[in-house]
Amino acid sequence: MKQILMLIIVVGSIFTTKAQSFGEEKVAFANYLKRMYNSSPFEGVKVIEDYDNNYLVSVLSLEIAKYSSQSTMNRVAQVKAQSQANTFFNGSVIKMDFVVKTTEKRSENATDITVETMESIKENSIGFVKRMELLSNFKIENDSRMLFIYYKKIEDE
């Protein structure tokens, strides 16, 4: 009798126990963005809307060979993603200088003129965007770059 009661309790607990999935929505969102990137590669900031939420997505790629360790590359990616998001939210000031330098050399029978151009572009942005979370990163196929996808849920104000 005890064995039958124990068997009923064990079988009953198997059917009533529910398991949680870890980040099932995040995995689906990451797979959606990977498919989106593979069909049409892009970098920068986008706002992605689903049925219930809006997300700010920052996508960037880094050359793998330029970084001595994975942690250094992850930190650089995080800072660049926050910088992209900050520029998106707060704007930036862009300054461009274009310098033309002309050099003239004279000799006895000819004048030689050399023209050099130099362009300098600087972008400044002020602000900070917090809570950018790494959604996914993967090596781009047939390339020596790593793609990073950061995101942040945009809260309704």
C-alpha atoms as a PDB file:
ATOM      1  CA  MET A   1       0.000   0.000   0.000  1.00  0.00           C
ATOM      2  CA  LYS A   2       2.850   2.404   0.861  1.00  0.00           C
ATOM      3  CA  GLN A   3       4.542   1.626  -2.439  1.00  0.00           C
ATOM      4  CA  ILE A   4       1.418   2.459  -4.440  1.00  0.00           C
ATOM      5  CA  LEU A   5       0.967   5.730  -2.517  1.00  0.00           C
ATOM      6  CA  MET A   6       4.617   6.684  -3.124  1.00  0.00           C
ATOM      7  CA  LEU A   7       4.280   5.835  -6.809  1.00  0.00           C
ATOM      8  CA  ILE A   8       1.204   8.086  -7.112  1.00  0.00           C
ATOM      9  CA  ILE A   9       3.019  10.963  -5.337  1.00  0.00           C
ATOM     10  CA  VAL A  10       6.120  10.632  -7.547  1.00  0.00           C
ATOM     11  CA  VAL A  11       4.100  10.436 -10.782  1.00  0.00           C
ATOM     12  CA  GLY A  12       1.882  13.321  -9.656  1.00  0.00           C
ATOM     13  CA  SER A  13       4.865  15.518  -8.817  1.00  0.00           C
ATOM     14  CA  ILE A  14       6.428  14.848 -12.232  1.00  0.00           C
ATOM     15  CA  PHE A  15       3.373  16.186 -14.014  1.00  0.00           C
ATOM     16  CA  THR A  16       2.896  19.190 -11.735  1.00  0.00           C
ATOM     17  CA  THR A  17       6.540  20.334 -11.651  1.00  0.00           C
ATOM     18  CA  LYS A  18       7.255  23.209 -14.010  1.00  0.00           C
ATOM     19  CA  ALA A  19      10.714  24.137 -15.185  1.00  0.00           C
ATOM     20  CA  GLN A  20      11.813  27.643 -15.963  1.00  0.00           C
ATOM     21  CA  SER A  21      13.706  28.429 -19.097  1.00  0.00           C
ATOM     22  CA  PHE A  22      16.578  30.858 -18.727  1.00  0.00           C
ATOM     23  CA  GLY A  23      16.079  33.812 -21.002  1.00  0.00           C
ATOM     24  CA  GLU A  24      13.922  32.109 -23.620  1.00  0.00           C
ATOM     25  CA  GLU A  25      12.764  35.507 -24.893  1.00  0.00           C
ATOM     26  CA  LYS A  26      16.358  36.798 -25.013  1.00  0.00           C
ATOM     27  CA  VAL A  27      17.486  33.788 -27.014  1.00  0.00           C
ATOM     28  CA  ALA A  28      14.645  34.249 -29.501  1.00  0.00           C
ATOM     29  CA  PHE A  29      15.436  37.977 -29.775  1.00  0.00           C
ATOM     30  CA  ALA A  30      19.163  37.258 -30.297  1.00  0.00           C
ATOM     31  CA  ASN A  31      18.369  34.693 -33.006  1.00  0.00           C
ATOM     32  CA  TYR A  32      16.057  37.190 -34.720  1.00  0.00           C
ATOM     33  CA  LEU A  33      18.813  39.838 -34.756  1.00  0.00           C
ATOM     34  CA  LYS A  34      21.389  37.307 -36.036  1.00  0.00           C
ATOM     35  CA  ARG A  35      19.083  36.377 -38.920  1.00  0.00           C
ATOM     36  CA  MET A  36      18.471  40.072 -39.575  1.00  0.00           C
ATOM     37  CA  TYR A  37      22.227  40.757 -39.644  1.00  0.00           C
ATOM     38  CA  ASN A  38      23.019  37.743 -41.854  1.00  0.00           C
ATOM     39  CA  SER A  39      20.402  38.743 -44.416  1.00  0.00           C
ATOM     40  CA  SER A  40      21.467  42.397 -44.492  1.00  0.00           C
ATOM     41  CA  PRO A  41      24.604  43.308 -42.454  1.00  0.00           C
ATOM     42  CA  PHE A  42      24.406  46.557 -40.499  1.00  0.00           C
ATOM     43  CA  GLU A  43      26.150  48.326 -37.655  1.00  0.00           C
ATOM     44  CA  GLY A  44      25.072  51.163 -35.415  1.00  0.00           C
ATOM     45  CA  VAL A  45      21.946  51.799 -33.394  1.00  0.00           C
ATOM     46  CA  LYS A  46      18.418  50.683 -34.204  1.00  0.00           C
ATOM     47  CA  VAL A  47      15.139  50.722 -32.352  1.00  0.00           C
ATOM     48  CA  ILE A  48      13.400  47.348 -32.621  1.00  0.00           C
ATOM     49  CA  GLU A  49       9.729  47.051 -31.742  1.00  0.00           C
ATOM     50  CA  ASP A  50       7.908  43.893 -30.771  1.00  0.00           C
ATOM     51  CA  TYR A  51       4.333  43.461 -29.623  1.00  0.00           C
ATOM     52  CA  ASP A  52       4.888  44.660 -26.064  1.00  0.00           C
ATOM     53  CA  ASN A  53       8.240  46.437 -25.875  1.00  0.00           C
ATOM     54  CA  ASN A  54      10.718  48.684 -27.665  1.00  0.00           C
ATOM     55  CA  TYR A  55      14.424  47.904 -27.582  1.00  0.00           C
ATOM     56  CA  LEU A  56      17.455  50.008 -28.375  1.00  0.00           C
ATOM     57  CA  VAL A  57      19.959  47.759 -30.138  1.00  0.00           C
ATOM     58  CA  SER A  58      23.610  48.679 -30.665  1.00  0.00           C
ATOM     59  CA  VAL A  59      25.502  46.498 -33.148  1.00  0.00           C
ATOM     60  CA  LEU A  60      29.252  46.755 -33.719  1.00  0.00           C
ATOM     61  CA  SER A  61      32.107  44.641 -34.973  1.00  0.00           C
ATOM     62  CA  LEU A  62      35.720  44.507 -33.848  1.00  0.00           C
ATOM     63  CA  GLU A  63      38.815  43.094 -35.522  1.00  0.00           C
ATOM     64  CA  ILE A  64      39.806  40.031 -33.448  1.00  0.00           C
ATOM     65  CA  ALA A  65      43.560  40.328 -34.116  1.00  0.00           C
ATOM     66  CA  LYS A  66      43.765  43.826 -32.607  1.00  0.00           C
ATOM     67  CA  TYR A  67      43.029  42.629 -29.062  1.00  0.00           C
ATOM     68  CA  SER A  68      45.331  40.629 -26.849  1.00  0.00           C
ATOM     69  CA  SER A  69      42.551  39.051 -24.805  1.00  0.00           C
ATOM     70  CA  GLN A  70      38.847  38.334 -25.022  1.00  0.00           C
ATOM     71  CA  SER A  71      38.145  40.426 -21.904  1.00  0.00           C
ATOM     72  CA  THR A  72      39.813  43.488 -23.459  1.00  0.00           C
ATOM     73  CA  MET A  73      37.767  43.070 -26.624  1.00  0.00           C
ATOM     74  CA  ASN A  74      34.557  42.666 -24.574  1.00  0.00           C
ATOM     75  CA  ARG A  75      35.276  45.856 -22.621  1.00  0.00           C
ATOM     76  CA  VAL A  76      36.019  47.863 -25.778  1.00  0.00           C
ATOM     77  CA  ALA A  77      32.792  46.548 -27.330  1.00  0.00           C
ATOM     78  CA  GLN A  78      30.803  47.545 -24.243  1.00  0.00           C
ATOM     79  CA  VAL A  79      32.205  51.091 -24.235  1.00  0.00           C
ATOM     80  CA  LYS A  80      31.621  51.509 -27.984  1.00  0.00           C
ATOM     81  CA  ALA A  81      28.038  50.257 -27.671  1.00  0.00           C
ATOM     82  CA  GLN A  82      27.353  52.742 -24.865  1.00  0.00           C
ATOM     83  CA  SER A  83      28.952  55.492 -26.947  1.00  0.00           C
ATOM     84  CA  GLN A  84      26.744  54.667 -29.940  1.00  0.00           C
ATOM     85  CA  ALA A  85      23.643  54.657 -27.749  1.00  0.00           C
ATOM     86  CA  ASN A  86      24.652  57.949 -26.117  1.00  0.00           C
ATOM     87  CA  THR A  87      25.113  59.605 -29.500  1.00  0.00           C
ATOM     88  CA  PHE A  88      21.714  58.270 -30.562  1.00  0.00           C
ATOM     89  CA  PHE A  89      19.927  59.639 -27.488  1.00  0.00           C
ATOM     90  CA  ASN A  90      21.853  62.853 -26.819  1.00  0.00           C
ATOM     91  CA  GLY A  91      23.235  63.785 -30.229  1.00  0.00           C
ATOM     92  CA  SER A  92      26.756  64.920 -30.981  1.00  0.00           C
ATOM     93  CA  VAL A  93      28.745  67.871 -32.250  1.00  0.00           C
ATOM     94  CA  ILE A  94      30.776  67.163 -35.365  1.00  0.00           C
ATOM     95  CA  LYS A  95      33.646  69.426 -36.373  1.00  0.00           C
ATOM     96  CA  MET A  96      35.416  69.065 -39.687  1.00  0.00           C
ATOM     97  CA  ASP A  97      38.609  70.826 -40.759  1.00  0.00           C
ATOM     98  CA  PHE A  98      39.894  70.685 -44.308  1.00  0.00           C
ATOM     99  CA  VAL A  99      43.437  71.963 -44.816  1.00  0.00           C
ATOM    100  CA  VAL A 100      45.016  72.518 -48.223  1.00  0.00           C
ATOM    101  CA  LYS A 101      48.797  72.967 -48.212  1.00  0.00           C
ATOM    102  CA  THR A 102      50.551  74.139 -51.358  1.00  0.00           C
ATOM    103  CA  THR A 103      54.315  73.909 -51.710  1.00  0.00           C
ATOM    104  CA  GLU A 104      56.219  75.512 -54.563  1.00  0.00           C
ATOM    105  CA  LYS A 105      59.760  74.534 -55.513  1.00  0.00           C
ATOM    106  CA  ARG A 106      61.586  76.563 -58.093  1.00  0.00           C
ATOM    107  CA  SER A 107      64.590  75.444 -59.984  1.00  0.00           C
ATOM    108  CA  GLU A 108      66.471  77.081 -62.820  1.00  0.00           C
ATOM    109  CA  ASN A 109      64.245  75.840 -65.589  1.00  0.00           C
ATOM    110  CA  ALA A 110      60.987  74.653 -63.910  1.00  0.00           C
ATOM    111  CA  THR A 111      58.578  75.285 -61.099  1.00  0.00           C
ATOM    112  CA  ASP A 112      57.293  72.253 -59.221  1.00  0.00           C
ATOM    113  CA  ILE A 113      54.016  72.724 -57.271  1.00  0.00           C
ATOM    114  CA  THR A 114      52.844  70.148 -54.727  1.00  0.00           C
ATOM    115  CA  VAL A 115      49.335  70.254 -53.245  1.00  0.00           C
ATOM    116  CA  GLU A 116      48.543  68.311 -50.067  1.00  0.00           C
ATOM    117  CA  THR A 117      45.093  68.021 -48.522  1.00  0.00           C
ATOM    118  CA  MET A 118      44.321  66.927 -45.004  1.00  0.00           C
ATOM    119  CA  GLU A 119      40.878  66.313 -43.549  1.00  0.00           C
ATOM    120  CA  SER A 120      40.182  66.060 -39.835  1.00  0.00           C
ATOM    121  CA  ILE A 121      36.786  65.032 -38.442  1.00  0.00           C
ATOM    122  CA  LYS A 122      36.063  65.117 -34.704  1.00  0.00           C
ATOM    123  CA  GLU A 123      32.858  64.035 -33.014  1.00  0.00           C
ATOM    124  CA  ASN A 124      32.023  64.983 -29.432  1.00  0.00           C
ATOM    125  CA  SER A 125      29.082  63.759 -27.421  1.00  0.00           C
ATOM    126  CA  ILE A 126      28.122  64.418 -23.831  1.00  0.00           C
ATOM    127  CA  GLY A 127      26.059  62.056 -21.702  1.00  0.00           C
ATOM    128  CA  PHE A 128      25.891  58.480 -20.551  1.00  0.00           C
ATOM    129  CA  VAL A 129      23.562  55.565 -21.285  1.00  0.00           C
ATOM    130  CA  LYS A 130      23.376  52.952 -18.548  1.00  0.00           C
ATOM    131  CA  ARG A 131      22.330  49.328 -18.535  1.00  0.00           C
ATOM    132  CA  MET A 132      23.350  48.276 -22.021  1.00  0.00           C
ATOM    133  CA  GLU A 133      23.358  44.481 -21.822  1.00  0.00           C
ATOM    134  CA  LEU A 134      25.250  42.102 -24.082  1.00  0.00           C
ATOM    135  CA  LEU A 135      22.643  40.086 -25.940  1.00  0.00           C
ATOM    136  CA  SER A 136      24.930  38.084 -28.196  1.00  0.00           C
ATOM    137  CA  ASN A 137      28.335  37.999 -29.795  1.00  0.00           C
ATOM    138  CA  PHE A 138      29.622  35.772 -32.555  1.00  0.00           C
ATOM    139  CA  LYS A 139      32.378  35.543 -35.143  1.00  0.00           C
ATOM    140  CA  ILE A 140      31.258  36.810 -38.523  1.00  0.00           C
ATOM    141  CA  GLU A 141      31.430  34.087 -41.173  1.00  0.00           C
ATOM    142  CA  ASN A 142      34.269  34.413 -43.697  1.00  0.00           C
ATOM    143  CA  ASP A 143      35.708  37.392 -41.794  1.00  0.00           C
ATOM    144  CA  SER A 144      38.194  38.011 -39.003  1.00  0.00           C
ATOM    145  CA  ARG A 145      35.764  40.176 -37.037  1.00  0.00           C
ATOM    146  CA  MET A 146      33.596  39.543 -34.006  1.00  0.00           C
ATOM    147  CA  LEU A 147      30.077  40.999 -33.957  1.00  0.00           C
ATOM    148  CA  PHE A 148      28.614  42.281 -30.691  1.00  0.00           C
ATOM    149  CA  ILE A 149      24.922  42.977 -30.129  1.00  0.00           C
ATOM    150  CA  TYR A 150      24.010  45.050 -27.075  1.00  0.00           C
ATOM    151  CA  TYR A 151      20.500  46.029 -26.141  1.00  0.00           C
ATOM    152  CA  LYS A 152      18.429  47.981 -23.680  1.00  0.00           C
ATOM    153  CA  LYS A 153      14.697  47.930 -23.137  1.00  0.00           C
ATOM    154  CA  ILE A 154      13.293  51.410 -23.702  1.00  0.00           C
ATOM    155  CA  GLU A 155      10.991  52.246 -20.842  1.00  0.00           C
ATOM    156  CA  ASP A 156       7.766  54.164 -21.426  1.00  0.00           C
ATOM    157  CA  GLU A 157       7.893  57.571 -19.823  1.00  0.00           C
END
